[in-house]
Each structure stands twice: as C-alpha cells, then as structure tokens.
Amino acid sequence: MQEPKRYMGIHNDPYGAMHSTGNIIRDAWVFGLIPETETCEGWLPQGLDALYDKVYAAWEPYAGIPSRLPPELLERHTRIYDAAVKRARELGWDPDEMIENS
C-alpha cells in the first residue's frame, strides 16, 4: 500500500507557499487556530481540509476582507502576510510571472 501524500510544510514549500494551502496556514496563524510555529509539515490532506473549514468559519464575520478585521487581527494579518511576501520574493517568487503563466 502506498504511503499517503503529506504536506511538505509551509517553510519548505517552493516560493514561500504563495498559493491556497499557504494562505490557509497563514490565515490560521492570524486567527490563532494554530500557533505561528506550526508549519503543517507532515499533515495529511484531511488535516489541511479540516483547517480550511476552521479558517473559512473564522473569516465569515469579516466577509474574507482583511480591512474588516479588528485592529489586533489586522495587525497580525499585515505582519504575517508582509513577511510571507518578503520571504517568497527572496525565494524567487514573481507574482507577475505567475499571472502570465496561468
């Protein structure tokens, strides 16, 4: 039987995990659903799906719009996402190239 596919972890993901799985993890950090030290390395898809459901529920009161977050959460969101974009660019992520290749 084949070993189930596991997530490599947000810090091991190419280009800083600038995709939906990375966003779910970062949003889970923002809402305190998992500690910021949790990279989700080794998680099965079912665990990430369950985390997605929790993140979706956490965003509902704010309609998924960061500017609607209360000040403490907005500060955390800004800090986490600014750091993610900086790291992704250092790893070679180019958002314009991603758009051109889609």
PDB file of N, CA and C in Angstrom:
ATOM      1  N   MET A   1       0.846  -1.185   0.000  1.00  0.00           N
ATOM      2  CA  MET A   1       0.000   0.000   0.000  1.00  0.00           C
ATOM      3  C   MET A   1       0.888   1.244   0.000  1.00  0.00           C
ATOM      4  N   GLN A   2       0.509   2.212  -0.795  1.00  0.00           N
ATOM      5  CA  GLN A   2       1.306   3.428  -0.934  1.00  0.00           C
ATOM      6  C   GLN A   2       1.108   4.351   0.263  1.00  0.00           C
ATOM      7  N   GLU A   3       2.204   4.932   0.713  1.00  0.00           N
ATOM      8  CA  GLU A   3       2.174   5.893   1.818  1.00  0.00           C
ATOM      9  C   GLU A   3       1.352   7.114   1.383  1.00  0.00           C
ATOM     10  N   PRO A   4       0.459   7.609   2.247  1.00  0.00           N
ATOM     11  CA  PRO A   4      -0.344   8.782   1.868  1.00  0.00           C
ATOM     12  C   PRO A   4       0.538  10.019   1.675  1.00  0.00           C
ATOM     13  N   LYS A   5       0.131  10.858   0.748  1.00  0.00           N
ATOM     14  CA  LYS A   5       0.864  12.091   0.470  1.00  0.00           C
ATOM     15  C   LYS A   5       0.704  13.049   1.647  1.00  0.00           C
ATOM     16  N   ARG A   6       1.816  13.612   2.067  1.00  0.00           N
ATOM     17  CA  ARG A   6       1.820  14.547   3.193  1.00  0.00           C
ATOM     18  C   ARG A   6       2.353  15.903   2.733  1.00  0.00           C
ATOM     19  N   TYR A   7       1.886  16.950   3.389  1.00  0.00           N
ATOM     20  CA  TYR A   7       2.322  18.306   3.042  1.00  0.00           C
ATOM     21  C   TYR A   7       3.754  18.523   3.518  1.00  0.00           C
ATOM     22  N   MET A   8       4.546  19.191   2.702  1.00  0.00           N
ATOM     23  CA  MET A   8       5.962  19.414   2.992  1.00  0.00           C
ATOM     24  C   MET A   8       6.210  20.450   4.089  1.00  0.00           C
ATOM     25  N   GLY A   9       5.217  21.245   4.399  1.00  0.00           N
ATOM     26  CA  GLY A   9       5.390  22.307   5.394  1.00  0.00           C
ATOM     27  C   GLY A   9       5.545  23.646   4.716  1.00  0.00           C
ATOM     28  N   ILE A  10       4.955  24.660   5.290  1.00  0.00           N
ATOM     29  CA  ILE A  10       4.935  25.985   4.655  1.00  0.00           C
ATOM     30  C   ILE A  10       6.341  26.547   4.450  1.00  0.00           C
ATOM     31  N   HIS A  11       7.281  26.228   5.349  1.00  0.00           N
ATOM     32  CA  HIS A  11       8.633  26.771   5.218  1.00  0.00           C
ATOM     33  C   HIS A  11       9.492  25.975   4.238  1.00  0.00           C
ATOM     34  N   ASN A  12       9.026  24.815   3.817  1.00  0.00           N
ATOM     35  CA  ASN A  12       9.740  24.010   2.824  1.00  0.00           C
ATOM     36  C   ASN A  12       9.099  24.109   1.448  1.00  0.00           C
ATOM     37  N   ASP A  13       7.986  24.777   1.350  1.00  0.00           N
ATOM     38  CA  ASP A  13       7.221  24.875   0.109  1.00  0.00           C
ATOM     39  C   ASP A  13       7.903  25.880  -0.827  1.00  0.00           C
ATOM     40  N   PRO A  14       8.114  25.496  -2.095  1.00  0.00           N
ATOM     41  CA  PRO A  14       8.773  26.416  -3.030  1.00  0.00           C
ATOM     42  C   PRO A  14       8.062  27.770  -3.120  1.00  0.00           C
ATOM     43  N   TYR A  15       8.864  28.789  -3.300  1.00  0.00           N
ATOM     44  CA  TYR A  15       8.378  30.161  -3.461  1.00  0.00           C
ATOM     45  C   TYR A  15       7.532  30.640  -2.290  1.00  0.00           C
ATOM     46  N   GLY A  16       7.820  30.135  -1.099  1.00  0.00           N
ATOM     47  CA  GLY A  16       7.159  30.647   0.095  1.00  0.00           C
ATOM     48  C   GLY A  16       5.703  30.284   0.237  1.00  0.00           C
ATOM     49  N   ALA A  17       5.275  29.251  -0.442  1.00  0.00           N
ATOM     50  CA  ALA A  17       3.887  28.772  -0.327  1.00  0.00           C
ATOM     51  C   ALA A  17       2.873  29.864  -0.663  1.00  0.00           C
ATOM     52  N   MET A  18       3.116  30.541  -1.767  1.00  0.00           N
ATOM     53  CA  MET A  18       2.195  31.590  -2.197  1.00  0.00           C
ATOM     54  C   MET A  18       1.083  30.976  -3.048  1.00  0.00           C
ATOM     55  N   HIS A  19       0.256  30.190  -2.376  1.00  0.00           N
ATOM     56  CA  HIS A  19      -0.875  29.520  -3.008  1.00  0.00           C
ATOM     57  C   HIS A  19      -1.920  29.255  -1.936  1.00  0.00           C
ATOM     58  N   SER A  20      -2.988  28.586  -2.301  1.00  0.00           N
ATOM     59  CA  SER A  20      -4.115  28.434  -1.371  1.00  0.00           C
ATOM     60  C   SER A  20      -3.746  27.716  -0.078  1.00  0.00           C
ATOM     61  N   THR A  21      -2.930  26.682  -0.134  1.00  0.00           N
ATOM     62  CA  THR A  21      -2.552  25.986   1.102  1.00  0.00           C
ATOM     63  C   THR A  21      -1.765  26.912   2.016  1.00  0.00           C
ATOM     64  N   GLY A  22      -0.839  27.662   1.454  1.00  0.00           N
ATOM     65  CA  GLY A  22      -0.081  28.625   2.251  1.00  0.00           C
ATOM     66  C   GLY A  22      -0.981  29.679   2.869  1.00  0.00           C
ATOM     67  N   ASN A  23      -1.956  30.147   2.103  1.00  0.00           N
ATOM     68  CA  ASN A  23      -2.890  31.147   2.635  1.00  0.00           C
ATOM     69  C   ASN A  23      -3.727  30.584   3.774  1.00  0.00           C
ATOM     70  N   ILE A  24      -4.137  29.336   3.660  1.00  0.00           N
ATOM     71  CA  ILE A  24      -4.913  28.717   4.739  1.00  0.00           C
ATOM     72  C   ILE A  24      -4.085  28.675   6.017  1.00  0.00           C
ATOM     73  N   ILE A  25      -2.833  28.268   5.897  1.00  0.00           N
ATOM     74  CA  ILE A  25      -1.962  28.187   7.074  1.00  0.00           C
ATOM     75  C   ILE A  25      -1.730  29.575   7.661  1.00  0.00           C
ATOM     76  N   ARG A  26      -1.413  30.550   6.812  1.00  0.00           N
ATOM     77  CA  ARG A  26      -1.185  31.915   7.320  1.00  0.00           C
ATOM     78  C   ARG A  26      -2.444  32.467   7.981  1.00  0.00           C
ATOM     79  N   ASP A  27      -3.599  32.237   7.376  1.00  0.00           N
ATOM     80  CA  ASP A  27      -4.849  32.710   7.982  1.00  0.00           C
ATOM     81  C   ASP A  27      -5.120  32.002   9.305  1.00  0.00           C
ATOM     82  N   ALA A  28      -4.775  30.731   9.395  1.00  0.00           N
ATOM     83  CA  ALA A  28      -4.933  30.010  10.664  1.00  0.00           C
ATOM     84  C   ALA A  28      -4.043  30.638  11.733  1.00  0.00           C
ATOM     85  N   TRP A  29      -2.858  31.091  11.354  1.00  0.00           N
ATOM     86  CA  TRP A  29      -1.993  31.815  12.306  1.00  0.00           C
ATOM     87  C   TRP A  29      -2.661  33.114  12.733  1.00  0.00           C
ATOM     88  N   VAL A  30      -3.194  33.852  11.753  1.00  0.00           N
ATOM     89  CA  VAL A  30      -3.840  35.134  12.053  1.00  0.00           C
ATOM     90  C   VAL A  30      -4.932  34.954  13.103  1.00  0.00           C
ATOM     91  N   PHE A  31      -5.760  33.956  12.927  1.00  0.00           N
ATOM     92  CA  PHE A  31      -6.900  33.746  13.825  1.00  0.00           C
ATOM     93  C   PHE A  31      -6.552  32.926  15.066  1.00  0.00           C
ATOM     94  N   GLY A  32      -5.292  32.541  15.202  1.00  0.00           N
ATOM     95  CA  GLY A  32      -4.885  31.790  16.380  1.00  0.00           C
ATOM     96  C   GLY A  32      -5.407  30.360  16.402  1.00  0.00           C
ATOM     97  N   LEU A  33      -5.741  29.832  15.236  1.00  0.00           N
ATOM     98  CA  LEU A  33      -6.238  28.458  15.157  1.00  0.00           C
ATOM     99  C   LEU A  33      -5.114  27.445  15.340  1.00  0.00           C
ATOM    100  N   ILE A  34      -3.924  27.825  14.921  1.00  0.00           N
ATOM    101  CA  ILE A  34      -2.707  27.049  15.157  1.00  0.00           C
ATOM    102  C   ILE A  34      -1.618  28.049  15.535  1.00  0.00           C
ATOM    103  N   PRO A  35      -0.622  27.632  16.307  1.00  0.00           N
ATOM    104  CA  PRO A  35       0.456  28.561  16.655  1.00  0.00           C
ATOM    105  C   PRO A  35       1.280  28.923  15.419  1.00  0.00           C
ATOM    106  N   GLU A  36       1.883  30.090  15.441  1.00  0.00           N
ATOM    107  CA  GLU A  36       2.696  30.525  14.303  1.00  0.00           C
ATOM    108  C   GLU A  36       3.919  29.640  14.095  1.00  0.00           C
ATOM    109  N   THR A  37       4.237  28.811  15.049  1.00  0.00           N
ATOM    110  CA  THR A  37       5.341  27.865  14.899  1.00  0.00           C
ATOM    111  C   THR A  37       4.920  26.596  14.164  1.00  0.00           C
ATOM    112  N   GLU A  38       3.625  26.407  13.971  1.00  0.00           N
ATOM    113  CA  GLU A  38       3.109  25.216  13.283  1.00  0.00           C
ATOM    114  C   GLU A  38       3.230  25.411  11.775  1.00  0.00           C
ATOM    115  N   THR A  39       4.049  24.592  11.134  1.00  0.00           N
ATOM    116  CA  THR A  39       4.260  24.691   9.685  1.00  0.00           C
ATOM    117  C   THR A  39       3.384  23.727   8.893  1.00  0.00           C
ATOM    118  N   CYS A  40       2.692  22.854   9.583  1.00  0.00           N
ATOM    119  CA  CYS A  40       1.841  21.818   8.986  1.00  0.00           C
ATOM    120  C   CYS A  40       2.648  20.774   8.220  1.00  0.00           C
ATOM    121  N   GLU A  41       3.947  20.726   8.474  1.00  0.00           N
ATOM    122  CA  GLU A  41       4.786  19.704   7.852  1.00  0.00           C
ATOM    123  C   GLU A  41       4.302  18.320   8.272  1.00  0.00           C
ATOM    124  N   GLY A  42       4.135  17.462   7.285  1.00  0.00           N
ATOM    125  CA  GLY A  42       3.704  16.099   7.543  1.00  0.00           C
ATOM    126  C   GLY A  42       2.197  15.913   7.641  1.00  0.00           C
ATOM    127  N   TRP A  43       1.448  16.990   7.514  1.00  0.00           N
ATOM    128  CA  TRP A  43      -0.011  16.877   7.613  1.00  0.00           C
ATOM    129  C   TRP A  43      -0.564  16.158   6.387  1.00  0.00           C
ATOM    130  N   LEU A  44      -1.596  15.382   6.634  1.00  0.00           N
ATOM    131  CA  LEU A  44      -2.336  14.728   5.557  1.00  0.00           C
ATOM    132  C   LEU A  44      -3.342  15.717   4.955  1.00  0.00           C
ATOM    133  N   PRO A  45      -3.774  15.478   3.723  1.00  0.00           N
ATOM    134  CA  PRO A  45      -4.761  16.378   3.113  1.00  0.00           C
ATOM    135  C   PRO A  45      -6.015  16.574   3.964  1.00  0.00           C
ATOM    136  N   GLN A  46      -6.446  15.533   4.667  1.00  0.00           N
ATOM    137  CA  GLN A  46      -7.639  15.652   5.501  1.00  0.00           C
ATOM    138  C   GLN A  46      -7.442  16.679   6.617  1.00  0.00           C
ATOM    139  N   GLY A  47      -6.240  16.744   7.166  1.00  0.00           N
ATOM    140  CA  GLY A  47      -5.952  17.726   8.210  1.00  0.00           C
ATOM    141  C   GLY A  47      -5.980  19.140   7.668  1.00  0.00           C
ATOM    142  N   LEU A  48      -5.436  19.323   6.466  1.00  0.00           N
ATOM    143  CA  LEU A  48      -5.465  20.643   5.839  1.00  0.00           C
ATOM    144  C   LEU A  48      -6.889  21.031   5.464  1.00  0.00           C
ATOM    145  N   ASP A  49      -7.687  20.064   5.027  1.00  0.00           N
ATOM    146  CA  ASP A  49      -9.097  20.342   4.715  1.00  0.00           C
ATOM    147  C   ASP A  49      -9.854  20.781   5.966  1.00  0.00           C
ATOM    148  N   ALA A  50      -9.592  20.115   7.082  1.00  0.00           N
ATOM    149  CA  ALA A  50     -10.248  20.484   8.344  1.00  0.00           C
ATOM    150  C   ALA A  50      -9.816  21.881   8.779  1.00  0.00           C
ATOM    151  N   LEU A  51      -8.537  22.206   8.564  1.00  0.00           N
ATOM    152  CA  LEU A  51      -8.047  23.540   8.902  1.00  0.00           C
ATOM    153  C   LEU A  51      -8.722  24.581   8.007  1.00  0.00           C
ATOM    154  N   TYR A  52      -8.881  24.264   6.720  1.00  0.00           N
ATOM    155  CA  TYR A  52      -9.579  25.161   5.801  1.00  0.00           C
ATOM    156  C   TYR A  52     -10.975  25.485   6.328  1.00  0.00           C
ATOM    157  N   ASP A  53     -11.697  24.473   6.771  1.00  0.00           N
ATOM    158  CA  ASP A  53     -13.053  24.687   7.288  1.00  0.00           C
ATOM    159  C   ASP A  53     -13.048  25.640   8.477  1.00  0.00           C
ATOM    160  N   LYS A  54     -12.073  25.502   9.360  1.00  0.00           N
ATOM    161  CA  LYS A  54     -11.972  26.385  10.529  1.00  0.00           C
ATOM    162  C   LYS A  54     -11.620  27.813  10.108  1.00  0.00           C
ATOM    163  N   VAL A  55     -10.706  27.936   9.147  1.00  0.00           N
ATOM    164  CA  VAL A  55     -10.317  29.262   8.653  1.00  0.00           C
ATOM    165  C   VAL A  55     -11.508  29.931   7.968  1.00  0.00           C
ATOM    166  N   TYR A  56     -12.232  29.182   7.157  1.00  0.00           N
ATOM    167  CA  TYR A  56     -13.409  29.723   6.475  1.00  0.00           C
ATOM    168  C   TYR A  56     -14.406  30.263   7.497  1.00  0.00           C
ATOM    169  N   ALA A  57     -14.655  29.501   8.541  1.00  0.00           N
ATOM    170  CA  ALA A  57     -15.591  29.930   9.592  1.00  0.00           C
ATOM    171  C   ALA A  57     -15.071  31.170  10.315  1.00  0.00           C
ATOM    172  N   ALA A  58     -13.769  31.248  10.531  1.00  0.00           N
ATOM    173  CA  ALA A  58     -13.193  32.410  11.218  1.00  0.00           C
ATOM    174  C   ALA A  58     -13.322  33.677  10.375  1.00  0.00           C
ATOM    175  N   TRP A  59     -13.241  33.543   9.056  1.00  0.00           N
ATOM    176  CA  TRP A  59     -13.348  34.695   8.159  1.00  0.00           C
ATOM    177  C   TRP A  59     -14.791  35.160   7.964  1.00  0.00           C
ATOM    178  N   GLU A  60     -15.760  34.297   8.199  1.00  0.00           N
ATOM    179  CA  GLU A  60     -17.166  34.630   7.902  1.00  0.00           C
ATOM    180  C   GLU A  60     -17.624  35.973   8.462  1.00  0.00           C
ATOM    181  N   PRO A  61     -17.365  36.302   9.724  1.00  0.00           N
ATOM    182  CA  PRO A  61     -17.852  37.588  10.242  1.00  0.00           C
ATOM    183  C   PRO A  61     -17.243  38.809   9.533  1.00  0.00           C
ATOM    184  N   TYR A  62     -16.136  38.593   8.827  1.00  0.00           N
ATOM    185  CA  TYR A  62     -15.428  39.703   8.177  1.00  0.00           C
ATOM    186  C   TYR A  62     -15.531  39.617   6.653  1.00  0.00           C
ATOM    187  N   ALA A  63     -16.339  38.690   6.153  1.00  0.00           N
ATOM    188  CA  ALA A  63     -16.563  38.502   4.711  1.00  0.00           C
ATOM    189  C   ALA A  63     -15.258  38.263   3.952  1.00  0.00           C
ATOM    190  N   GLY A  64     -14.246  37.731   4.644  1.00  0.00           N
ATOM    191  CA  GLY A  64     -12.974  37.439   3.994  1.00  0.00           C
ATOM    192  C   GLY A  64     -12.174  38.667   3.614  1.00  0.00           C
ATOM    193  N   ILE A  65     -12.512  39.827   4.190  1.00  0.00           N
ATOM    194  CA  ILE A  65     -11.869  41.093   3.825  1.00  0.00           C
ATOM    195  C   ILE A  65     -10.982  41.557   4.981  1.00  0.00           C
ATOM    196  N   PRO A  66      -9.662  41.602   4.772  1.00  0.00           N
ATOM    197  CA  PRO A  66      -8.768  41.980   5.869  1.00  0.00           C
ATOM    198  C   PRO A  66      -9.080  43.331   6.508  1.00  0.00           C
ATOM    199  N   SER A  67      -9.495  44.311   5.734  1.00  0.00           N
ATOM    200  CA  SER A  67      -9.762  45.639   6.305  1.00  0.00           C
ATOM    201  C   SER A  67     -10.925  45.627   7.292  1.00  0.00           C
ATOM    202  N   ARG A  68     -11.717  44.579   7.293  1.00  0.00           N
ATOM    203  CA  ARG A  68     -12.829  44.464   8.243  1.00  0.00           C
ATOM    204  C   ARG A  68     -12.413  43.789   9.550  1.00  0.00           C
ATOM    205  N   LEU A  69     -11.183  43.323   9.611  1.00  0.00           N
ATOM    206  CA  LEU A  69     -10.702  42.678  10.832  1.00  0.00           C
ATOM    207  C   LEU A  69     -10.563  43.696  11.952  1.00  0.00           C
ATOM    208  N   PRO A  70     -10.748  43.281  13.208  1.00  0.00           N
ATOM    209  CA  PRO A  70     -10.468  44.186  14.316  1.00  0.00           C
ATOM    210  C   PRO A  70      -8.970  44.513  14.336  1.00  0.00           C
ATOM    211  N   PRO A  71      -8.597  45.639  14.951  1.00  0.00           N
ATOM    212  CA  PRO A  71      -7.209  46.109  14.895  1.00  0.00           C
ATOM    213  C   PRO A  71      -6.156  45.049  15.232  1.00  0.00           C
ATOM    214  N   GLU A  72      -6.379  44.265  16.270  1.00  0.00           N
ATOM    215  CA  GLU A  72      -5.375  43.266  16.662  1.00  0.00           C
ATOM    216  C   GLU A  72      -5.172  42.216  15.569  1.00  0.00           C
ATOM    217  N   LEU A  73      -6.266  41.737  14.991  1.00  0.00           N
ATOM    218  CA  LEU A  73      -6.158  40.744  13.920  1.00  0.00           C
ATOM    219  C   LEU A  73      -5.603  41.356  12.638  1.00  0.00           C
ATOM    220  N   LEU A  74      -5.974  42.596  12.349  1.00  0.00           N
ATOM    221  CA  LEU A  74      -5.452  43.266  11.162  1.00  0.00           C
ATOM    222  C   LEU A  74      -3.939  43.440  11.267  1.00  0.00           C
ATOM    223  N   GLU A  75      -3.465  43.812  12.455  1.00  0.00           N
ATOM    224  CA  GLU A  75      -2.014  43.962  12.658  1.00  0.00           C
ATOM    225  C   GLU A  75      -1.319  42.627  12.446  1.00  0.00           C
ATOM    226  N   ARG A  76      -1.884  41.565  13.001  1.00  0.00           N
ATOM    227  CA  ARG A  76      -1.291  40.232  12.859  1.00  0.00           C
ATOM    228  C   ARG A  76      -1.309  39.801  11.388  1.00  0.00           C
ATOM    229  N   HIS A  77      -2.427  40.037  10.704  1.00  0.00           N
ATOM    230  CA  HIS A  77      -2.543  39.694   9.283  1.00  0.00           C
ATOM    231  C   HIS A  77      -1.484  40.432   8.468  1.00  0.00           C
ATOM    232  N   THR A  78      -1.355  41.719   8.704  1.00  0.00           N
ATOM    233  CA  THR A  78      -0.382  42.528   7.969  1.00  0.00           C
ATOM    234  C   THR A  78       1.032  42.027   8.221  1.00  0.00           C
ATOM    235  N   ARG A  79       1.367  41.766   9.472  1.00  0.00           N
ATOM    236  CA  ARG A  79       2.713  41.291   9.825  1.00  0.00           C
ATOM    237  C   ARG A  79       3.006  39.949   9.157  1.00  0.00           C
ATOM    238  N   ILE A  80       2.075  39.016   9.255  1.00  0.00           N
ATOM    239  CA  ILE A  80       2.283  37.672   8.707  1.00  0.00           C
ATOM    240  C   ILE A  80       2.385  37.708   7.184  1.00  0.00           C
ATOM    241  N   TYR A  81       1.489  38.429   6.534  1.00  0.00           N
ATOM    242  CA  TYR A  81       1.500  38.455   5.072  1.00  0.00           C
ATOM    243  C   TYR A  81       2.645  39.286   4.512  1.00  0.00           C
ATOM    244  N   ASP A  82       3.021  40.380   5.174  1.00  0.00           N
ATOM    245  CA  ASP A  82       4.189  41.144   4.720  1.00  0.00           C
ATOM    246  C   ASP A  82       5.445  40.280   4.777  1.00  0.00           C
ATOM    247  N   ALA A  83       5.610  39.534   5.863  1.00  0.00           N
ATOM    248  CA  ALA A  83       6.769  38.643   5.998  1.00  0.00           C
ATOM    249  C   ALA A  83       6.730  37.540   4.942  1.00  0.00           C
ATOM    250  N   ALA A  84       5.548  37.019   4.652  1.00  0.00           N
ATOM    251  CA  ALA A  84       5.415  35.948   3.657  1.00  0.00           C
ATOM    252  C   ALA A  84       5.791  36.442   2.262  1.00  0.00           C
ATOM    253  N   VAL A  85       5.328  37.622   1.904  1.00  0.00           N
ATOM    254  CA  VAL A  85       5.646  38.177   0.584  1.00  0.00           C
ATOM    255  C   VAL A  85       7.145  38.443   0.476  1.00  0.00           C
ATOM    256  N   LYS A  86       7.730  38.993   1.529  1.00  0.00           N
ATOM    257  CA  LYS A  86       9.177  39.270   1.530  1.00  0.00           C
ATOM    258  C   LYS A  86       9.962  37.975   1.339  1.00  0.00           C
ATOM    259  N   ARG A  87       9.613  36.956   2.101  1.00  0.00           N
ATOM    260  CA  ARG A  87      10.321  35.672   2.004  1.00  0.00           C
ATOM    261  C   ARG A  87      10.117  35.045   0.628  1.00  0.00           C
ATOM    262  N   ALA A  88       8.915  35.088   0.113  1.00  0.00           N
ATOM    263  CA  ALA A  88       8.633  34.496  -1.195  1.00  0.00           C
ATOM    264  C   ALA A  88       9.445  35.180  -2.291  1.00  0.00           C
ATOM    265  N   ARG A  89       9.541  36.484  -2.230  1.00  0.00           N
ATOM    266  CA  ARG A  89      10.339  37.208  -3.235  1.00  0.00           C
ATOM    267  C   ARG A  89      11.814  36.822  -3.125  1.00  0.00           C
ATOM    268  N   GLU A  90      12.304  36.664  -1.890  1.00  0.00           N
ATOM    269  CA  GLU A  90      13.692  36.236  -1.689  1.00  0.00           C
ATOM    270  C   GLU A  90      13.929  34.848  -2.283  1.00  0.00           C
ATOM    271  N   LEU A  91      12.887  34.018  -2.309  1.00  0.00           N
ATOM    272  CA  LEU A  91      12.985  32.665  -2.863  1.00  0.00           C
ATOM    273  C   LEU A  91      12.739  32.628  -4.373  1.00  0.00           C
ATOM    274  N   GLY A  92      12.491  33.795  -4.970  1.00  0.00           N
ATOM    275  CA  GLY A  92      12.320  33.865  -6.414  1.00  0.00           C
ATOM    276  C   GLY A  92      10.891  33.963  -6.907  1.00  0.00           C
ATOM    277  N   TRP A  93       9.946  34.112  -5.993  1.00  0.00           N
ATOM    278  CA  TRP A  93       8.547  34.235  -6.399  1.00  0.00           C
ATOM    279  C   TRP A  93       8.325  35.559  -7.105  1.00  0.00           C
ATOM    280  N   ASP A  94       7.679  35.509  -8.254  1.00  0.00           N
ATOM    281  CA  ASP A  94       7.351  36.702  -9.029  1.00  0.00           C
ATOM    282  C   ASP A  94       5.863  36.639  -9.361  1.00  0.00           C
ATOM    283  N   PRO A  95       5.046  37.444  -8.672  1.00  0.00           N
ATOM    284  CA  PRO A  95       3.600  37.363  -8.908  1.00  0.00           C
ATOM    285  C   PRO A  95       3.207  37.691 -10.341  1.00  0.00           C
ATOM    286  N   ASP A  96       3.935  38.581 -10.985  1.00  0.00           N
ATOM    287  CA  ASP A  96       3.616  38.921 -12.372  1.00  0.00           C
ATOM    288  C   ASP A  96       3.846  37.724 -13.291  1.00  0.00           C
ATOM    289  N   GLU A  97       4.908  36.984 -13.040  1.00  0.00           N
ATOM    290  CA  GLU A  97       5.197  35.800 -13.842  1.00  0.00           C
ATOM    291  C   GLU A  97       4.125  34.735 -13.638  1.00  0.00           C
ATOM    292  N   MET A  98       3.633  34.621 -12.418  1.00  0.00           N
ATOM    293  CA  MET A  98       2.589  33.641 -12.130  1.00  0.00           C
ATOM    294  C   MET A  98       1.323  33.957 -12.937  1.00  0.00           C
ATOM    295  N   ILE A  99       0.993  35.239 -13.061  1.00  0.00           N
ATOM    296  CA  ILE A  99      -0.191  35.650 -13.821  1.00  0.00           C
ATOM    297  C   ILE A  99       0.012  35.360 -15.306  1.00  0.00           C
ATOM    298  N   GLU A 100       1.195  35.691 -15.812  1.00  0.00           N
ATOM    299  CA  GLU A 100       1.487  35.483 -17.230  1.00  0.00           C
ATOM    300  C   GLU A 100       1.440  34.009 -17.609  1.00  0.00           C
ATOM    301  N   ASN A 101       1.820  33.131 -16.678  1.00  0.00           N
ATOM    302  CA  ASN A 101       1.879  31.697 -16.971  1.00  0.00           C
ATOM    303  C   ASN A 101       0.588  30.959 -16.652  1.00  0.00           C
ATOM    304  N   SER A 102      -0.428  31.680 -16.209  1.00  0.00           N
ATOM    305  CA  SER A 102      -1.676  30.977 -15.865  1.00  0.00           C
ATOM    306  C   SER A 102      -2.639  30.941 -17.028  1.00  0.00           C
TER     307      SER A 102
END
